[in-house]
Amino acid sequence: MEETESIVNCNRAISVNPYNVLEYKKRGTLNADIEKYNEAIEDYTKAIEIYPRDATCFFNRGTVRINLGDIEGAKDDFKIATILNLSV
């Protein structure tokens, strides 16, 4: 599938600031929406590397993992997301 204009804009923002967690999250969601699941996982994983306390990234990555059939990976991500949400 083709990159959307929104993904291109995220790419630009990330090239300016490669530590922009919000742009990785946004691009991950956009990639998931067009069924680029591996790219979405890479984006959420990068966001987690930058800011590992973001429960939303773990939850979203878990959702994408379900789409790829990685049930165990999804369970792990959902567990971490739950723990992070409880510690807020």
N, C-alpha and C. Protein backbone atom coordinates (compact mmCIF):
# COMPACT_ATOMS: atom_id res chain seq x y z
N MET A 1 0.84 -1.18 0.00
CA MET A 1 0.00 0.00 0.00
C MET A 1 0.88 1.25 0.00
N GLU A 2 0.33 2.29 -0.49
CA GLU A 2 1.05 3.53 -0.67
C GLU A 2 1.12 4.34 0.63
N GLU A 3 2.24 5.07 0.80
CA GLU A 3 2.34 5.96 1.95
C GLU A 3 1.35 7.09 1.79
N THR A 4 0.72 7.43 2.87
CA THR A 4 -0.21 8.56 2.85
C THR A 4 0.55 9.85 3.09
N GLU A 5 -0.09 10.95 2.80
CA GLU A 5 0.52 12.26 3.06
C GLU A 5 0.81 12.42 4.55
N SER A 6 -0.04 11.88 5.38
CA SER A 6 0.17 11.96 6.83
C SER A 6 1.43 11.22 7.24
N ILE A 7 1.68 10.06 6.65
CA ILE A 7 2.89 9.31 6.96
C ILE A 7 4.12 10.09 6.50
N VAL A 8 4.04 10.70 5.33
CA VAL A 8 5.14 11.52 4.82
C VAL A 8 5.42 12.66 5.80
N ASN A 9 4.37 13.28 6.33
CA ASN A 9 4.55 14.36 7.30
C ASN A 9 5.20 13.85 8.58
N CYS A 10 4.81 12.67 9.03
CA CYS A 10 5.44 12.07 10.20
C CYS A 10 6.92 11.81 9.93
N ASN A 11 7.22 11.30 8.75
CA ASN A 11 8.61 11.04 8.38
C ASN A 11 9.44 12.32 8.46
N ARG A 12 8.87 13.41 7.97
CA ARG A 12 9.58 14.70 8.02
C ARG A 12 9.82 15.12 9.46
N ALA A 13 8.80 15.03 10.28
CA ALA A 13 8.93 15.44 11.67
C ALA A 13 9.97 14.59 12.40
N ILE A 14 9.98 13.29 12.12
CA ILE A 14 10.95 12.39 12.76
C ILE A 14 12.36 12.69 12.27
N SER A 15 12.50 13.07 11.00
CA SER A 15 13.84 13.40 10.50
C SER A 15 14.38 14.65 11.18
N VAL A 16 13.51 15.56 11.57
CA VAL A 16 13.93 16.76 12.29
C VAL A 16 14.25 16.44 13.75
N ASN A 17 13.41 15.60 14.36
CA ASN A 17 13.61 15.22 15.76
C ASN A 17 13.37 13.72 15.91
N PRO A 18 14.42 12.92 15.85
CA PRO A 18 14.25 11.46 15.92
C PRO A 18 13.84 10.94 17.30
N TYR A 19 13.62 11.84 18.26
CA TYR A 19 13.17 11.44 19.59
C TYR A 19 11.73 11.88 19.86
N ASN A 20 11.00 12.16 18.81
CA ASN A 20 9.63 12.64 18.92
C ASN A 20 8.67 11.46 19.06
N VAL A 21 8.39 11.11 20.29
CA VAL A 21 7.54 9.95 20.59
C VAL A 21 6.16 10.08 19.94
N LEU A 22 5.60 11.26 19.98
CA LEU A 22 4.25 11.44 19.42
C LEU A 22 4.19 11.14 17.93
N GLU A 23 5.24 11.51 17.19
CA GLU A 23 5.24 11.24 15.75
C GLU A 23 5.38 9.75 15.46
N TYR A 24 6.18 9.04 16.27
CA TYR A 24 6.27 7.58 16.10
C TYR A 24 4.93 6.92 16.39
N LYS A 25 4.25 7.39 17.45
CA LYS A 25 2.94 6.84 17.78
C LYS A 25 1.94 7.10 16.65
N LYS A 26 1.95 8.33 16.16
CA LYS A 26 1.03 8.70 15.09
C LYS A 26 1.31 7.87 13.84
N ARG A 27 2.60 7.74 13.48
CA ARG A 27 2.93 6.97 12.29
C ARG A 27 2.60 5.49 12.49
N GLY A 28 2.79 4.99 13.70
CA GLY A 28 2.41 3.61 13.99
C GLY A 28 0.93 3.36 13.76
N THR A 29 0.11 4.29 14.21
CA THR A 29 -1.33 4.18 14.02
C THR A 29 -1.69 4.26 12.54
N LEU A 30 -1.07 5.19 11.84
CA LEU A 30 -1.33 5.32 10.40
C LEU A 30 -0.92 4.05 9.65
N ASN A 31 0.25 3.50 10.00
CA ASN A 31 0.69 2.26 9.36
C ASN A 31 -0.26 1.11 9.67
N ALA A 32 -0.71 1.02 10.90
CA ALA A 32 -1.66 -0.05 11.26
C ALA A 32 -2.96 0.10 10.47
N ASP A 33 -3.39 1.34 10.30
CA ASP A 33 -4.64 1.58 9.57
C ASP A 33 -4.57 1.09 8.12
N ILE A 34 -3.39 1.12 7.52
CA ILE A 34 -3.25 0.65 6.13
C ILE A 34 -2.62 -0.75 6.08
N GLU A 35 -2.69 -1.43 7.22
CA GLU A 35 -2.27 -2.82 7.36
C GLU A 35 -0.78 -3.04 7.11
N LYS A 36 0.02 -2.03 7.39
CA LYS A 36 1.48 -2.18 7.39
C LYS A 36 1.87 -2.49 8.84
N TYR A 37 1.54 -3.71 9.24
CA TYR A 37 1.67 -4.08 10.64
C TYR A 37 3.12 -4.14 11.12
N ASN A 38 4.02 -4.65 10.32
CA ASN A 38 5.42 -4.71 10.75
C ASN A 38 5.98 -3.31 10.95
N GLU A 39 5.64 -2.38 10.06
CA GLU A 39 6.09 -1.00 10.21
C GLU A 39 5.49 -0.37 11.45
N ALA A 40 4.23 -0.68 11.72
CA ALA A 40 3.57 -0.15 12.91
C ALA A 40 4.27 -0.65 14.17
N ILE A 41 4.61 -1.93 14.20
CA ILE A 41 5.31 -2.47 15.36
C ILE A 41 6.66 -1.78 15.54
N GLU A 42 7.37 -1.55 14.44
CA GLU A 42 8.65 -0.84 14.52
C GLU A 42 8.46 0.55 15.11
N ASP A 43 7.42 1.25 14.68
CA ASP A 43 7.17 2.59 15.19
C ASP A 43 6.84 2.58 16.68
N TYR A 44 5.95 1.69 17.10
CA TYR A 44 5.61 1.63 18.52
C TYR A 44 6.81 1.19 19.35
N THR A 45 7.60 0.27 18.83
CA THR A 45 8.80 -0.17 19.54
C THR A 45 9.78 0.98 19.71
N LYS A 46 9.97 1.77 18.68
CA LYS A 46 10.87 2.93 18.78
C LYS A 46 10.34 3.92 19.80
N ALA A 47 9.04 4.17 19.79
CA ALA A 47 8.45 5.08 20.78
C ALA A 47 8.68 4.55 22.20
N ILE A 48 8.55 3.24 22.38
CA ILE A 48 8.78 2.62 23.69
C ILE A 48 10.24 2.75 24.10
N GLU A 49 11.15 2.59 23.16
CA GLU A 49 12.57 2.76 23.47
C GLU A 49 12.85 4.18 23.98
N ILE A 50 12.20 5.16 23.38
CA ILE A 50 12.41 6.55 23.77
C ILE A 50 11.73 6.85 25.11
N TYR A 51 10.50 6.38 25.25
CA TYR A 51 9.74 6.64 26.48
C TYR A 51 9.01 5.36 26.91
N PRO A 52 9.68 4.55 27.72
CA PRO A 52 9.13 3.23 28.06
C PRO A 52 7.96 3.23 29.05
N ARG A 53 7.49 4.39 29.46
CA ARG A 53 6.37 4.43 30.41
C ARG A 53 5.04 4.79 29.73
N ASP A 54 5.02 4.74 28.41
CA ASP A 54 3.82 5.09 27.66
C ASP A 54 2.96 3.85 27.46
N ALA A 55 1.93 3.72 28.29
CA ALA A 55 1.05 2.55 28.23
C ALA A 55 0.35 2.43 26.89
N THR A 56 0.03 3.56 26.28
CA THR A 56 -0.68 3.53 25.00
C THR A 56 0.14 2.83 23.92
N CYS A 57 1.44 3.06 23.92
CA CYS A 57 2.29 2.41 22.92
C CYS A 57 2.27 0.89 23.09
N PHE A 58 2.34 0.43 24.33
CA PHE A 58 2.28 -1.00 24.57
C PHE A 58 0.93 -1.57 24.14
N PHE A 59 -0.14 -0.86 24.49
CA PHE A 59 -1.46 -1.34 24.12
C PHE A 59 -1.61 -1.40 22.60
N ASN A 60 -1.21 -0.32 21.92
CA ASN A 60 -1.33 -0.29 20.47
C ASN A 60 -0.48 -1.36 19.80
N ARG A 61 0.74 -1.55 20.30
CA ARG A 61 1.60 -2.60 19.73
C ARG A 61 0.98 -3.97 19.96
N GLY A 62 0.37 -4.16 21.12
CA GLY A 62 -0.31 -5.43 21.39
C GLY A 62 -1.44 -5.68 20.42
N THR A 63 -2.19 -4.64 20.12
CA THR A 63 -3.29 -4.76 19.16
C THR A 63 -2.77 -5.15 17.78
N VAL A 64 -1.68 -4.53 17.36
CA VAL A 64 -1.10 -4.86 16.06
C VAL A 64 -0.58 -6.29 16.06
N ARG A 65 0.01 -6.71 17.18
CA ARG A 65 0.52 -8.08 17.26
C ARG A 65 -0.61 -9.10 17.10
N ILE A 66 -1.78 -8.79 17.61
CA ILE A 66 -2.92 -9.68 17.42
C ILE A 66 -3.20 -9.84 15.93
N ASN A 67 -3.16 -8.72 15.21
CA ASN A 67 -3.41 -8.78 13.76
C ASN A 67 -2.37 -9.64 13.04
N LEU A 68 -1.19 -9.76 13.60
CA LEU A 68 -0.14 -10.60 13.01
C LEU A 68 -0.16 -12.03 13.55
N GLY A 69 -1.08 -12.31 14.48
CA GLY A 69 -1.19 -13.65 15.05
C GLY A 69 -0.22 -13.90 16.19
N ASP A 70 0.45 -12.87 16.69
CA ASP A 70 1.40 -13.01 17.80
C ASP A 70 0.67 -12.80 19.12
N ILE A 71 -0.07 -13.82 19.53
CA ILE A 71 -0.92 -13.72 20.72
C ILE A 71 -0.08 -13.57 21.98
N GLU A 72 1.01 -14.32 22.09
CA GLU A 72 1.86 -14.22 23.29
C GLU A 72 2.49 -12.84 23.40
N GLY A 73 2.98 -12.30 22.29
CA GLY A 73 3.54 -10.95 22.30
C GLY A 73 2.50 -9.92 22.68
N ALA A 74 1.28 -10.11 22.18
CA ALA A 74 0.19 -9.19 22.51
C ALA A 74 -0.13 -9.26 24.01
N LYS A 75 -0.19 -10.47 24.55
CA LYS A 75 -0.46 -10.61 25.99
C LYS A 75 0.60 -9.90 26.82
N ASP A 76 1.86 -10.04 26.42
CA ASP A 76 2.95 -9.36 27.14
C ASP A 76 2.77 -7.85 27.09
N ASP A 77 2.46 -7.32 25.91
CA ASP A 77 2.27 -5.87 25.78
C ASP A 77 1.07 -5.40 26.59
N PHE A 78 -0.03 -6.13 26.55
CA PHE A 78 -1.22 -5.73 27.31
C PHE A 78 -0.94 -5.77 28.81
N LYS A 79 -0.16 -6.73 29.25
CA LYS A 79 0.19 -6.82 30.67
C LYS A 79 0.99 -5.59 31.10
N ILE A 80 1.98 -5.21 30.30
CA ILE A 80 2.79 -4.03 30.63
C ILE A 80 1.92 -2.77 30.60
N ALA A 81 1.05 -2.65 29.60
CA ALA A 81 0.17 -1.49 29.52
C ALA A 81 -0.70 -1.38 30.77
N THR A 82 -1.21 -2.50 31.23
CA THR A 82 -2.04 -2.52 32.43
C THR A 82 -1.24 -2.09 33.64
N ILE A 83 -0.05 -2.61 33.80
CA ILE A 83 0.80 -2.24 34.94
C ILE A 83 1.12 -0.74 34.91
N LEU A 84 1.46 -0.23 33.73
CA LEU A 84 1.76 1.19 33.62
C LEU A 84 0.54 2.06 33.94
N ASN A 85 -0.64 1.62 33.51
CA ASN A 85 -1.85 2.38 33.81
C ASN A 85 -2.18 2.36 35.29
N LEU A 86 -1.88 1.27 35.96
CA LEU A 86 -2.16 1.16 37.39
C LEU A 86 -1.20 2.00 38.23
N SER A 87 -0.02 2.26 37.68
CA SER A 87 1.00 2.98 38.46
C SER A 87 0.89 4.50 38.28
N VAL A 88 -0.12 4.95 37.54
CA VAL A 88 -0.28 6.40 37.32
C VAL A 88 -0.98 7.02 38.49
